[in-house]
Amino acid sequence: MRIVTMLALCTVLCCALDQKQEECLNLHITPPMIKDIMETSELIQKYLPRDNAPYHQILGKLKKCSKKLNAPDFKRILEIYDEHVFQNLWKNNTHQLPKLFMDSFARLKDMMEICETKGKQTLSQCARENLKTIEDKLKMLQPNGLYKAQSEFRSVLVWISNAMDKSRTHEIH
């Protein structure tokens, strides 16, 4: 009986921690912020070479469990994208759109870091299983692959908006 009680208590506590992260996401990451990053990303995409492999997805495996991702998962995804995609794609770029995008991206990353501390700070099982593979793929990308990864970043933004209050996600996409 004690074991059942402990399991029930752990479940309630875990749900409460996830709830706090969701509340934090709602408080700090606004729909206009996500929408602004999406629109800037889409504008940048217009100036990049066309995707020659639209059916080949870099984030494919992670997409299967996107509804189960938590703030630490998103924080790690943002770190991976920053290090292996955006830093390589725009390291010497002085154009306005990439600068605007990176400023908004840095704010999003900062807010995600704040929200990570509001709940359980471990990666979900799905993220643990897939993020290393995705990071390895992103490390190996040539310039055209970086463009592909940049275009797929929109999916990450949609996942973040879905992790926020479900009643607000219709405002973003």
Foldseek 3Di string as FASTA:
>chain_A
DVVVVVVVVVVVQQVVLLVLLQVLLPVQPDLVLLQVLVVLLVVVLVVDDDQPCVPDALCVLVVVCLLVWGLLLLLVVLVLCVVQQLCVQPVPPDDDSSVVNVVSSVSVNVSSVVSCVSHPNDTDPSSVVPVVSSSVVSNPDDNSVSSNVSVCVNVSSLSSLCSHDVVCSVVRD
